[in-house]
Amino acid sequence: MLNISKEKKDGSMTVFLEGKLDTVTAQDLEASINEDISGLDELIFDMGELVYISSAGLRVLLGAQKIMNEQGSMKVKGANEIIREIFDATGFSSILTIEN
């Protein structure tokens, strides 16, 4: 299960993720992002409450990063040690801007 909440302010949107981002929930996240990504200057994923991410979840992040490369910036913050290890193992650490 994944809870997604969004906060928009002045061309910036923070997406708060809580739970598991897996094959089932990745579609929900992708749809949620696509509703609001047009025209954003900054996209932030707050992963402070995310406990798991699968390859499907990584694909959604990659898609969002490609869009934001064209129109602004994207960053990931609050990822726990397990999520960070997944980013390191998959090479996503060099693709994404990751903050504490």
PDB file of N, CA and C in Angstrom:
ATOM      1  N   MET A   1       0.834  -1.181   0.000  1.00  0.00           N
ATOM      2  CA  MET A   1       0.000   0.000   0.000  1.00  0.00           C
ATOM      3  C   MET A   1       0.882   1.249   0.000  1.00  0.00           C
ATOM      4  N   LEU A   2       0.467   2.237  -0.770  1.00  0.00           N
ATOM      5  CA  LEU A   2       1.202   3.487  -0.872  1.00  0.00           C
ATOM      6  C   LEU A   2       0.240   4.647  -0.684  1.00  0.00           C
ATOM      7  N   ASN A   3       0.566   5.525   0.237  1.00  0.00           N
ATOM      8  CA  ASN A   3      -0.183   6.764   0.399  1.00  0.00           C
ATOM      9  C   ASN A   3       0.589   7.869  -0.292  1.00  0.00           C
ATOM     10  N   ILE A   4      -0.111   8.614  -1.148  1.00  0.00           N
ATOM     11  CA  ILE A   4       0.499   9.702  -1.904  1.00  0.00           C
ATOM     12  C   ILE A   4      -0.230  10.988  -1.537  1.00  0.00           C
ATOM     13  N   SER A   5       0.518  11.987  -1.119  1.00  0.00           N
ATOM     14  CA  SER A   5      -0.085  13.303  -0.924  1.00  0.00           C
ATOM     15  C   SER A   5       0.816  14.331  -1.590  1.00  0.00           C
ATOM     16  N   LYS A   6       0.199  15.423  -2.053  1.00  0.00           N
ATOM     17  CA  LYS A   6       0.942  16.429  -2.805  1.00  0.00           C
ATOM     18  C   LYS A   6       0.696  17.805  -2.204  1.00  0.00           C
ATOM     19  N   GLU A   7       1.724  18.624  -2.283  1.00  0.00           N
ATOM     20  CA  GLU A   7       1.641  19.999  -1.825  1.00  0.00           C
ATOM     21  C   GLU A   7       2.236  20.879  -2.916  1.00  0.00           C
ATOM     22  N   LYS A   8       1.409  21.759  -3.479  1.00  0.00           N
ATOM     23  CA  LYS A   8       1.877  22.639  -4.554  1.00  0.00           C
ATOM     24  C   LYS A   8       1.980  24.066  -4.046  1.00  0.00           C
ATOM     25  N   LYS A   9       3.071  24.739  -4.492  1.00  0.00           N
ATOM     26  CA  LYS A   9       3.258  26.128  -4.105  1.00  0.00           C
ATOM     27  C   LYS A   9       4.201  26.813  -5.096  1.00  0.00           C
ATOM     28  N   ASP A  10       3.717  27.840  -5.762  1.00  0.00           N
ATOM     29  CA  ASP A  10       4.547  28.687  -6.624  1.00  0.00           C
ATOM     30  C   ASP A  10       5.443  27.913  -7.596  1.00  0.00           C
ATOM     31  N   GLY A  11       4.878  27.038  -8.399  1.00  0.00           N
ATOM     32  CA  GLY A  11       5.654  26.308  -9.395  1.00  0.00           C
ATOM     33  C   GLY A  11       6.440  25.127  -8.859  1.00  0.00           C
ATOM     34  N   SER A  12       6.269  24.840  -7.578  1.00  0.00           N
ATOM     35  CA  SER A  12       6.954  23.713  -6.955  1.00  0.00           C
ATOM     36  C   SER A  12       5.912  22.731  -6.418  1.00  0.00           C
ATOM     37  N   MET A  13       6.217  21.455  -6.506  1.00  0.00           N
ATOM     38  CA  MET A  13       5.324  20.448  -5.940  1.00  0.00           C
ATOM     39  C   MET A  13       6.163  19.431  -5.168  1.00  0.00           C
ATOM     40  N   THR A  14       5.706  19.167  -3.942  1.00  0.00           N
ATOM     41  CA  THR A  14       6.308  18.107  -3.137  1.00  0.00           C
ATOM     42  C   THR A  14       5.339  16.941  -3.093  1.00  0.00           C
ATOM     43  N   VAL A  15       5.849  15.754  -3.405  1.00  0.00           N
ATOM     44  CA  VAL A  15       5.059  14.531  -3.373  1.00  0.00           C
ATOM     45  C   VAL A  15       5.545  13.717  -2.173  1.00  0.00           C
ATOM     46  N   PHE A  16       4.647  13.518  -1.222  1.00  0.00           N
ATOM     47  CA  PHE A  16       4.974  12.754  -0.019  1.00  0.00           C
ATOM     48  C   PHE A  16       4.560  11.304  -0.231  1.00  0.00           C
ATOM     49  N   LEU A  17       5.505  10.393  -0.033  1.00  0.00           N
ATOM     50  CA  LEU A  17       5.252   8.967  -0.246  1.00  0.00           C
ATOM     51  C   LEU A  17       5.352   8.234   1.078  1.00  0.00           C
ATOM     52  N   GLU A  18       4.347   7.414   1.356  1.00  0.00           N
ATOM     53  CA  GLU A  18       4.321   6.636   2.599  1.00  0.00           C
ATOM     54  C   GLU A  18       3.910   5.209   2.274  1.00  0.00           C
ATOM     55  N   GLY A  19       4.764   4.236   2.639  1.00  0.00           N
ATOM     56  CA  GLY A  19       4.449   2.833   2.418  1.00  0.00           C
ATOM     57  C   GLY A  19       5.386   2.191   1.419  1.00  0.00           C
ATOM     58  N   LYS A  20       4.821   1.410   0.494  1.00  0.00           N
ATOM     59  CA  LYS A  20       5.612   0.654  -0.475  1.00  0.00           C
ATOM     60  C   LYS A  20       5.311   1.120  -1.893  1.00  0.00           C
ATOM     61  N   LEU A  21       6.365   1.453  -2.623  1.00  0.00           N
ATOM     62  CA  LEU A  21       6.245   1.824  -4.029  1.00  0.00           C
ATOM     63  C   LEU A  21       6.680   0.605  -4.835  1.00  0.00           C
ATOM     64  N   ASP A  22       5.680  -0.146  -5.306  1.00  0.00           N
ATOM     65  CA  ASP A  22       5.953  -1.406  -5.989  1.00  0.00           C
ATOM     66  C   ASP A  22       5.209  -1.461  -7.320  1.00  0.00           C
ATOM     67  N   THR A  23       5.166  -2.633  -7.914  1.00  0.00           N
ATOM     68  CA  THR A  23       4.543  -2.802  -9.227  1.00  0.00           C
ATOM     69  C   THR A  23       3.083  -2.352  -9.233  1.00  0.00           C
ATOM     70  N   VAL A  24       2.379  -2.625  -8.162  1.00  0.00           N
ATOM     71  CA  VAL A  24       0.958  -2.270  -8.076  1.00  0.00           C
ATOM     72  C   VAL A  24       0.772  -0.763  -7.881  1.00  0.00           C
ATOM     73  N   THR A  25       1.558  -0.162  -6.992  1.00  0.00           N
ATOM     74  CA  THR A  25       1.342   1.241  -6.635  1.00  0.00           C
ATOM     75  C   THR A  25       2.059   2.226  -7.564  1.00  0.00           C
ATOM     76  N   ALA A  26       3.026   1.751  -8.337  1.00  0.00           N
ATOM     77  CA  ALA A  26       3.765   2.640  -9.241  1.00  0.00           C
ATOM     78  C   ALA A  26       2.833   3.310 -10.246  1.00  0.00           C
ATOM     79  N   GLN A  27       1.835   2.588 -10.711  1.00  0.00           N
ATOM     80  CA  GLN A  27       0.869   3.157 -11.665  1.00  0.00           C
ATOM     81  C   GLN A  27       0.116   4.326 -11.042  1.00  0.00           C
ATOM     82  N   ASP A  28      -0.242   4.191  -9.762  1.00  0.00           N
ATOM     83  CA  ASP A  28      -0.952   5.260  -9.061  1.00  0.00           C
ATOM     84  C   ASP A  28      -0.073   6.502  -8.938  1.00  0.00           C
ATOM     85  N   LEU A  29       1.201   6.288  -8.607  1.00  0.00           N
ATOM     86  CA  LEU A  29       2.113   7.416  -8.477  1.00  0.00           C
ATOM     87  C   LEU A  29       2.310   8.101  -9.822  1.00  0.00           C
ATOM     88  N   GLU A  30       2.501   7.325 -10.860  1.00  0.00           N
ATOM     89  CA  GLU A  30       2.703   7.898 -12.187  1.00  0.00           C
ATOM     90  C   GLU A  30       1.500   8.743 -12.600  1.00  0.00           C
ATOM     91  N   ALA A  31       0.300   8.237 -12.381  1.00  0.00           N
ATOM     92  CA  ALA A  31      -0.917   8.992 -12.722  1.00  0.00           C
ATOM     93  C   ALA A  31      -1.011  10.269 -11.897  1.00  0.00           C
ATOM     94  N   SER A  32      -0.676  10.166 -10.627  1.00  0.00           N
ATOM     95  CA  SER A  32      -0.736  11.321  -9.733  1.00  0.00           C
ATOM     96  C   SER A  32       0.250  12.414 -10.155  1.00  0.00           C
ATOM     97  N   ILE A  33       1.446  12.018 -10.514  1.00  0.00           N
ATOM     98  CA  ILE A  33       2.455  12.984 -10.965  1.00  0.00           C
ATOM     99  C   ILE A  33       2.027  13.631 -12.277  1.00  0.00           C
ATOM    100  N   ASN A  34       1.556  12.813 -13.213  1.00  0.00           N
ATOM    101  CA  ASN A  34       1.194  13.319 -14.536  1.00  0.00           C
ATOM    102  C   ASN A  34       0.060  14.335 -14.494  1.00  0.00           C
ATOM    103  N   GLU A  35      -0.772  14.285 -13.447  1.00  0.00           N
ATOM    104  CA  GLU A  35      -1.844  15.268 -13.289  1.00  0.00           C
ATOM    105  C   GLU A  35      -1.291  16.679 -13.136  1.00  0.00           C
ATOM    106  N   ASP A  36      -0.133  16.800 -12.506  1.00  0.00           N
ATOM    107  CA  ASP A  36       0.351  18.111 -12.081  1.00  0.00           C
ATOM    108  C   ASP A  36       1.734  18.505 -12.572  1.00  0.00           C
ATOM    109  N   ILE A  37       2.430  17.642 -13.290  1.00  0.00           N
ATOM    110  CA  ILE A  37       3.836  17.915 -13.612  1.00  0.00           C
ATOM    111  C   ILE A  37       4.014  19.013 -14.653  1.00  0.00           C
ATOM    112  N   SER A  38       3.051  19.197 -15.504  1.00  0.00           N
ATOM    113  CA  SER A  38       3.164  20.207 -16.552  1.00  0.00           C
ATOM    114  C   SER A  38       3.332  21.595 -15.942  1.00  0.00           C
ATOM    115  N   GLY A  39       4.383  22.292 -16.365  1.00  0.00           N
ATOM    116  CA  GLY A  39       4.610  23.659 -15.913  1.00  0.00           C
ATOM    117  C   GLY A  39       5.338  23.798 -14.589  1.00  0.00           C
ATOM    118  N   LEU A  40       5.676  22.694 -13.943  1.00  0.00           N
ATOM    119  CA  LEU A  40       6.405  22.793 -12.675  1.00  0.00           C
ATOM    120  C   LEU A  40       7.849  23.220 -12.912  1.00  0.00           C
ATOM    121  N   ASP A  41       8.379  24.024 -11.991  1.00  0.00           N
ATOM    122  CA  ASP A  41       9.789  24.382 -12.000  1.00  0.00           C
ATOM    123  C   ASP A  41      10.597  23.432 -11.119  1.00  0.00           C
ATOM    124  N   GLU A  42       9.924  22.881 -10.094  1.00  0.00           N
ATOM    125  CA  GLU A  42      10.613  22.014  -9.152  1.00  0.00           C
ATOM    126  C   GLU A  42       9.679  20.900  -8.700  1.00  0.00           C
ATOM    127  N   LEU A  43      10.211  19.692  -8.684  1.00  0.00           N
ATOM    128  CA  LEU A  43       9.476  18.525  -8.202  1.00  0.00           C
ATOM    129  C   LEU A  43      10.320  17.870  -7.119  1.00  0.00           C
ATOM    130  N   ILE A  44       9.706  17.685  -5.947  1.00  0.00           N
ATOM    131  CA  ILE A  44      10.410  17.092  -4.811  1.00  0.00           C
ATOM    132  C   ILE A  44       9.661  15.839  -4.368  1.00  0.00           C
ATOM    133  N   PHE A  45      10.386  14.752  -4.231  1.00  0.00           N
ATOM    134  CA  PHE A  45       9.813  13.532  -3.661  1.00  0.00           C
ATOM    135  C   PHE A  45      10.295  13.418  -2.229  1.00  0.00           C
ATOM    136  N   ASP A  46       9.373  13.472  -1.286  1.00  0.00           N
ATOM    137  CA  ASP A  46       9.708  13.289   0.123  1.00  0.00           C
ATOM    138  C   ASP A  46       9.473  11.816   0.456  1.00  0.00           C
ATOM    139  N   MET A  47      10.561  11.091   0.681  1.00  0.00           N
ATOM    140  CA  MET A  47      10.501   9.650   0.913  1.00  0.00           C
ATOM    141  C   MET A  47      10.728   9.285   2.373  1.00  0.00           C
ATOM    142  N   GLY A  48      10.484  10.231   3.270  1.00  0.00           N
ATOM    143  CA  GLY A  48      10.702  10.004   4.685  1.00  0.00           C
ATOM    144  C   GLY A  48       9.918   8.837   5.256  1.00  0.00           C
ATOM    145  N   GLU A  49       8.779   8.523   4.654  1.00  0.00           N
ATOM    146  CA  GLU A  49       7.932   7.436   5.147  1.00  0.00           C
ATOM    147  C   GLU A  49       7.854   6.267   4.170  1.00  0.00           C
ATOM    148  N   LEU A  50       8.706   6.283   3.147  1.00  0.00           N
ATOM    149  CA  LEU A  50       8.725   5.188   2.164  1.00  0.00           C
ATOM    150  C   LEU A  50       9.596   4.061   2.695  1.00  0.00           C
ATOM    151  N   VAL A  51       9.076   2.836   2.694  1.00  0.00           N
ATOM    152  CA  VAL A  51       9.827   1.705   3.250  1.00  0.00           C
ATOM    153  C   VAL A  51      10.366   0.750   2.177  1.00  0.00           C
ATOM    154  N   TYR A  52       9.883   0.893   0.934  1.00  0.00           N
ATOM    155  CA  TYR A  52      10.293  -0.046  -0.120  1.00  0.00           C
ATOM    156  C   TYR A  52      10.079   0.606  -1.476  1.00  0.00           C
ATOM    157  N   ILE A  53      10.992   0.347  -2.400  1.00  0.00           N
ATOM    158  CA  ILE A  53      10.815   0.780  -3.783  1.00  0.00           C
ATOM    159  C   ILE A  53      11.268  -0.343  -4.708  1.00  0.00           C
ATOM    160  N   SER A  54      10.443  -0.659  -5.707  1.00  0.00           N
ATOM    161  CA  SER A  54      10.768  -1.710  -6.677  1.00  0.00           C
ATOM    162  C   SER A  54      11.265  -1.080  -7.975  1.00  0.00           C
ATOM    163  N   SER A  55      11.604  -1.917  -8.926  1.00  0.00           N
ATOM    164  CA  SER A  55      12.050  -1.419 -10.229  1.00  0.00           C
ATOM    165  C   SER A  55      10.944  -0.618 -10.920  1.00  0.00           C
ATOM    166  N   ALA A  56       9.702  -0.971 -10.684  1.00  0.00           N
ATOM    167  CA  ALA A  56       8.591  -0.209 -11.266  1.00  0.00           C
ATOM    168  C   ALA A  56       8.554   1.204 -10.684  1.00  0.00           C
ATOM    169  N   GLY A  57       8.833   1.310  -9.397  1.00  0.00           N
ATOM    170  CA  GLY A  57       8.902   2.623  -8.760  1.00  0.00           C
ATOM    171  C   GLY A  57      10.065   3.439  -9.287  1.00  0.00           C
ATOM    172  N   LEU A  58      11.201   2.785  -9.494  1.00  0.00           N
ATOM    173  CA  LEU A  58      12.362   3.465 -10.063  1.00  0.00           C
ATOM    174  C   LEU A  58      12.054   3.984 -11.462  1.00  0.00           C
ATOM    175  N   ARG A  59      11.308   3.210 -12.231  1.00  0.00           N
ATOM    176  CA  ARG A  59      10.926   3.630 -13.586  1.00  0.00           C
ATOM    177  C   ARG A  59      10.105   4.914 -13.551  1.00  0.00           C
ATOM    178  N   VAL A  60       9.191   5.024 -12.584  1.00  0.00           N
ATOM    179  CA  VAL A  60       8.368   6.234 -12.454  1.00  0.00           C
ATOM    180  C   VAL A  60       9.251   7.440 -12.115  1.00  0.00           C
ATOM    181  N   LEU A  61      10.209   7.239 -11.208  1.00  0.00           N
ATOM    182  CA  LEU A  61      11.128   8.328 -10.863  1.00  0.00           C
ATOM    183  C   LEU A  61      11.952   8.759 -12.076  1.00  0.00           C
ATOM    184  N   LEU A  62      12.408   7.790 -12.848  1.00  0.00           N
ATOM    185  CA  LEU A  62      13.193   8.091 -14.040  1.00  0.00           C
ATOM    186  C   LEU A  62      12.370   8.885 -15.049  1.00  0.00           C
ATOM    187  N   GLY A  63      11.126   8.489 -15.242  1.00  0.00           N
ATOM    188  CA  GLY A  63      10.242   9.215 -16.159  1.00  0.00           C
ATOM    189  C   GLY A  63      10.017  10.652 -15.713  1.00  0.00           C
ATOM    190  N   ALA A  64       9.812  10.838 -14.422  1.00  0.00           N
ATOM    191  CA  ALA A  64       9.622  12.189 -13.883  1.00  0.00           C
ATOM    192  C   ALA A  64      10.907  13.004 -14.037  1.00  0.00           C
ATOM    193  N   GLN A  65      12.053  12.370 -13.817  1.00  0.00           N
ATOM    194  CA  GLN A  65      13.332  13.063 -13.952  1.00  0.00           C
ATOM    195  C   GLN A  65      13.539  13.538 -15.384  1.00  0.00           C
ATOM    196  N   LYS A  66      13.189  12.712 -16.365  1.00  0.00           N
ATOM    197  CA  LYS A  66      13.340  13.097 -17.773  1.00  0.00           C
ATOM    198  C   LYS A  66      12.492  14.315 -18.092  1.00  0.00           C
ATOM    199  N   ILE A  67      11.270  14.347 -17.593  1.00  0.00           N
ATOM    200  CA  ILE A  67      10.391  15.498 -17.820  1.00  0.00           C
ATOM    201  C   ILE A  67      10.962  16.739 -17.141  1.00  0.00           C
ATOM    202  N   MET A  68      11.384  16.582 -15.895  1.00  0.00           N
ATOM    203  CA  MET A  68      11.888  17.737 -15.140  1.00  0.00           C
ATOM    204  C   MET A  68      13.229  18.243 -15.674  1.00  0.00           C
ATOM    205  N   ASN A  69      14.012  17.394 -16.326  1.00  0.00           N
ATOM    206  CA  ASN A  69      15.246  17.852 -16.968  1.00  0.00           C
ATOM    207  C   ASN A  69      14.950  18.904 -18.026  1.00  0.00           C
ATOM    208  N   GLU A  70      13.768  18.815 -18.641  1.00  0.00           N
ATOM    209  CA  GLU A  70      13.368  19.746 -19.695  1.00  0.00           C
ATOM    210  C   GLU A  70      12.789  21.045 -19.144  1.00  0.00           C
ATOM    211  N   GLN A  71      12.216  21.001 -17.936  1.00  0.00           N
ATOM    212  CA  GLN A  71      11.466  22.174 -17.479  1.00  0.00           C
ATOM    213  C   GLN A  71      11.859  22.698 -16.099  1.00  0.00           C
ATOM    214  N   GLY A  72      12.789  22.028 -15.420  1.00  0.00           N
ATOM    215  CA  GLY A  72      13.156  22.509 -14.094  1.00  0.00           C
ATOM    216  C   GLY A  72      14.061  21.519 -13.389  1.00  0.00           C
ATOM    217  N   SER A  73      13.810  21.311 -12.100  1.00  0.00           N
ATOM    218  CA  SER A  73      14.658  20.418 -11.317  1.00  0.00           C
ATOM    219  C   SER A  73      13.809  19.432 -10.520  1.00  0.00           C
ATOM    220  N   MET A  74      14.444  18.335 -10.158  1.00  0.00           N
ATOM    221  CA  MET A  74      13.778  17.317  -9.350  1.00  0.00           C
ATOM    222  C   MET A  74      14.751  16.837  -8.295  1.00  0.00           C
ATOM    223  N   LYS A  75      14.248  16.628  -7.088  1.00  0.00           N
ATOM    224  CA  LYS A  75      15.091  16.055  -6.048  1.00  0.00           C
ATOM    225  C   LYS A  75      14.308  15.087  -5.181  1.00  0.00           C
ATOM    226  N   VAL A  76      15.075  14.201  -4.569  1.00  0.00           N
ATOM    227  CA  VAL A  76      14.536  13.203  -3.650  1.00  0.00           C
ATOM    228  C   VAL A  76      15.095  13.533  -2.278  1.00  0.00           C
ATOM    229  N   LYS A  77      14.224  13.553  -1.276  1.00  0.00           N
ATOM    230  CA  LYS A  77      14.743  13.805   0.066  1.00  0.00           C
ATOM    231  C   LYS A  77      14.127  12.847   1.072  1.00  0.00           C
ATOM    232  N   GLY A  78      14.874  12.633   2.148  1.00  0.00           N
ATOM    233  CA  GLY A  78      14.378  11.821   3.249  1.00  0.00           C
ATOM    234  C   GLY A  78      14.440  10.318   3.049  1.00  0.00           C
ATOM    235  N   ALA A  79      15.115   9.856   1.991  1.00  0.00           N
ATOM    236  CA  ALA A  79      15.177   8.405   1.736  1.00  0.00           C
ATOM    237  C   ALA A  79      15.968   7.711   2.837  1.00  0.00           C
ATOM    238  N   ASN A  80      15.427   6.596   3.324  1.00  0.00           N
ATOM    239  CA  ASN A  80      16.111   5.851   4.380  1.00  0.00           C
ATOM    240  C   ASN A  80      17.286   5.057   3.800  1.00  0.00           C
ATOM    241  N   GLU A  81      18.008   4.397   4.673  1.00  0.00           N
ATOM    242  CA  GLU A  81      19.215   3.674   4.266  1.00  0.00           C
ATOM    243  C   GLU A  81      18.918   2.584   3.245  1.00  0.00           C
ATOM    244  N   ILE A  82      17.820   1.879   3.406  1.00  0.00           N
ATOM    245  CA  ILE A  82      17.455   0.795   2.477  1.00  0.00           C
ATOM    246  C   ILE A  82      17.183   1.358   1.084  1.00  0.00           C
ATOM    247  N   ILE A  83      16.411   2.440   1.011  1.00  0.00           N
ATOM    248  CA  ILE A  83      16.103   3.069  -0.284  1.00  0.00           C
ATOM    249  C   ILE A  83      17.389   3.606  -0.918  1.00  0.00           C
ATOM    250  N   ARG A  84      18.240   4.223  -0.112  1.00  0.00           N
ATOM    251  CA  ARG A  84      19.506   4.750  -0.634  1.00  0.00           C
ATOM    252  C   ARG A  84      20.391   3.628  -1.185  1.00  0.00           C
ATOM    253  N   GLU A  85      20.397   2.479  -0.517  1.00  0.00           N
ATOM    254  CA  GLU A  85      21.169   1.333  -1.014  1.00  0.00           C
ATOM    255  C   GLU A  85      20.640   0.871  -2.367  1.00  0.00           C
ATOM    256  N   ILE A  86      19.333   0.897  -2.539  1.00  0.00           N
ATOM    257  CA  ILE A  86      18.732   0.527  -3.829  1.00  0.00           C
ATOM    258  C   ILE A  86      19.155   1.540  -4.896  1.00  0.00           C
ATOM    259  N   PHE A  87      19.124   2.837  -4.553  1.00  0.00           N
ATOM    260  CA  PHE A  87      19.578   3.864  -5.505  1.00  0.00           C
ATOM    261  C   PHE A  87      21.040   3.636  -5.887  1.00  0.00           C
ATOM    262  N   ASP A  88      21.877   3.299  -4.899  1.00  0.00           N
ATOM    263  CA  ASP A  88      23.299   3.050  -5.170  1.00  0.00           C
ATOM    264  C   ASP A  88      23.486   1.828  -6.065  1.00  0.00           C
ATOM    265  N   ALA A  89      22.800   0.738  -5.744  1.00  0.00           N
ATOM    266  CA  ALA A  89      22.965  -0.518  -6.476  1.00  0.00           C
ATOM    267  C   ALA A  89      22.485  -0.419  -7.922  1.00  0.00           C
ATOM    268  N   THR A  90      21.492   0.428  -8.168  1.00  0.00           N
ATOM    269  CA  THR A  90      20.926   0.548  -9.516  1.00  0.00           C
ATOM    270  C   THR A  90      21.530   1.695 -10.319  1.00  0.00           C
ATOM    271  N   GLY A  91      22.412   2.474  -9.692  1.00  0.00           N
ATOM    272  CA  GLY A  91      23.003   3.616 -10.383  1.00  0.00           C
ATOM    273  C   GLY A  91      22.146   4.864 -10.338  1.00  0.00           C
ATOM    274  N   PHE A  92      21.011   4.804  -9.667  1.00  0.00           N
ATOM    275  CA  PHE A  92      20.124   5.957  -9.600  1.00  0.00           C
ATOM    276  C   PHE A  92      20.722   7.096  -8.778  1.00  0.00           C
ATOM    277  N   SER A  93      21.695   6.777  -7.926  1.00  0.00           N
ATOM    278  CA  SER A  93      22.355   7.823  -7.137  1.00  0.00           C
ATOM    279  C   SER A  93      23.041   8.844  -8.031  1.00  0.00           C
ATOM    280  N   SER A  94      23.483   8.399  -9.204  1.00  0.00           N
ATOM    281  CA  SER A  94      24.145   9.325 -10.132  1.00  0.00           C
ATOM    282  C   SER A  94      23.166  10.018 -11.062  1.00  0.00           C
ATOM    283  N   ILE A  95      21.920   9.564 -11.097  1.00  0.00           N
ATOM    284  CA  ILE A  95      20.886  10.153 -11.957  1.00  0.00           C
ATOM    285  C   ILE A  95      20.066  11.177 -11.182  1.00  0.00           C
ATOM    286  N   LEU A  96      19.741  10.846  -9.939  1.00  0.00           N
ATOM    287  CA  LEU A  96      18.859  11.674  -9.121  1.00  0.00           C
ATOM    288  C   LEU A  96      19.644  12.606  -8.212  1.00  0.00           C
ATOM    289  N   THR A  97      19.034  13.727  -7.884  1.00  0.00           N
ATOM    290  CA  THR A  97      19.570  14.606  -6.847  1.00  0.00           C
ATOM    291  C   THR A  97      18.951  14.143  -5.535  1.00  0.00           C
ATOM    292  N   ILE A  98      19.789  13.637  -4.632  1.00  0.00           N
ATOM    293  CA  ILE A  98      19.296  13.037  -3.384  1.00  0.00           C
ATOM    294  C   ILE A  98      19.804  13.864  -2.206  1.00  0.00           C
ATOM    295  N   GLU A  99      18.872  14.287  -1.390  1.00  0.00           N
ATOM    296  CA  GLU A  99      19.200  15.058  -0.185  1.00  0.00           C
ATOM    297  C   GLU A  99      18.712  14.311   1.056  1.00  0.00           C
ATOM    298  N   ASN A 100      19.248  14.677   2.197  1.00  0.00           N
ATOM    299  CA  ASN A 100      18.822  14.052   3.461  1.00  0.00           C
ATOM    300  C   ASN A 100      17.448  14.476   3.873  1.00  0.00           C
TER     301      ASN A 100
END
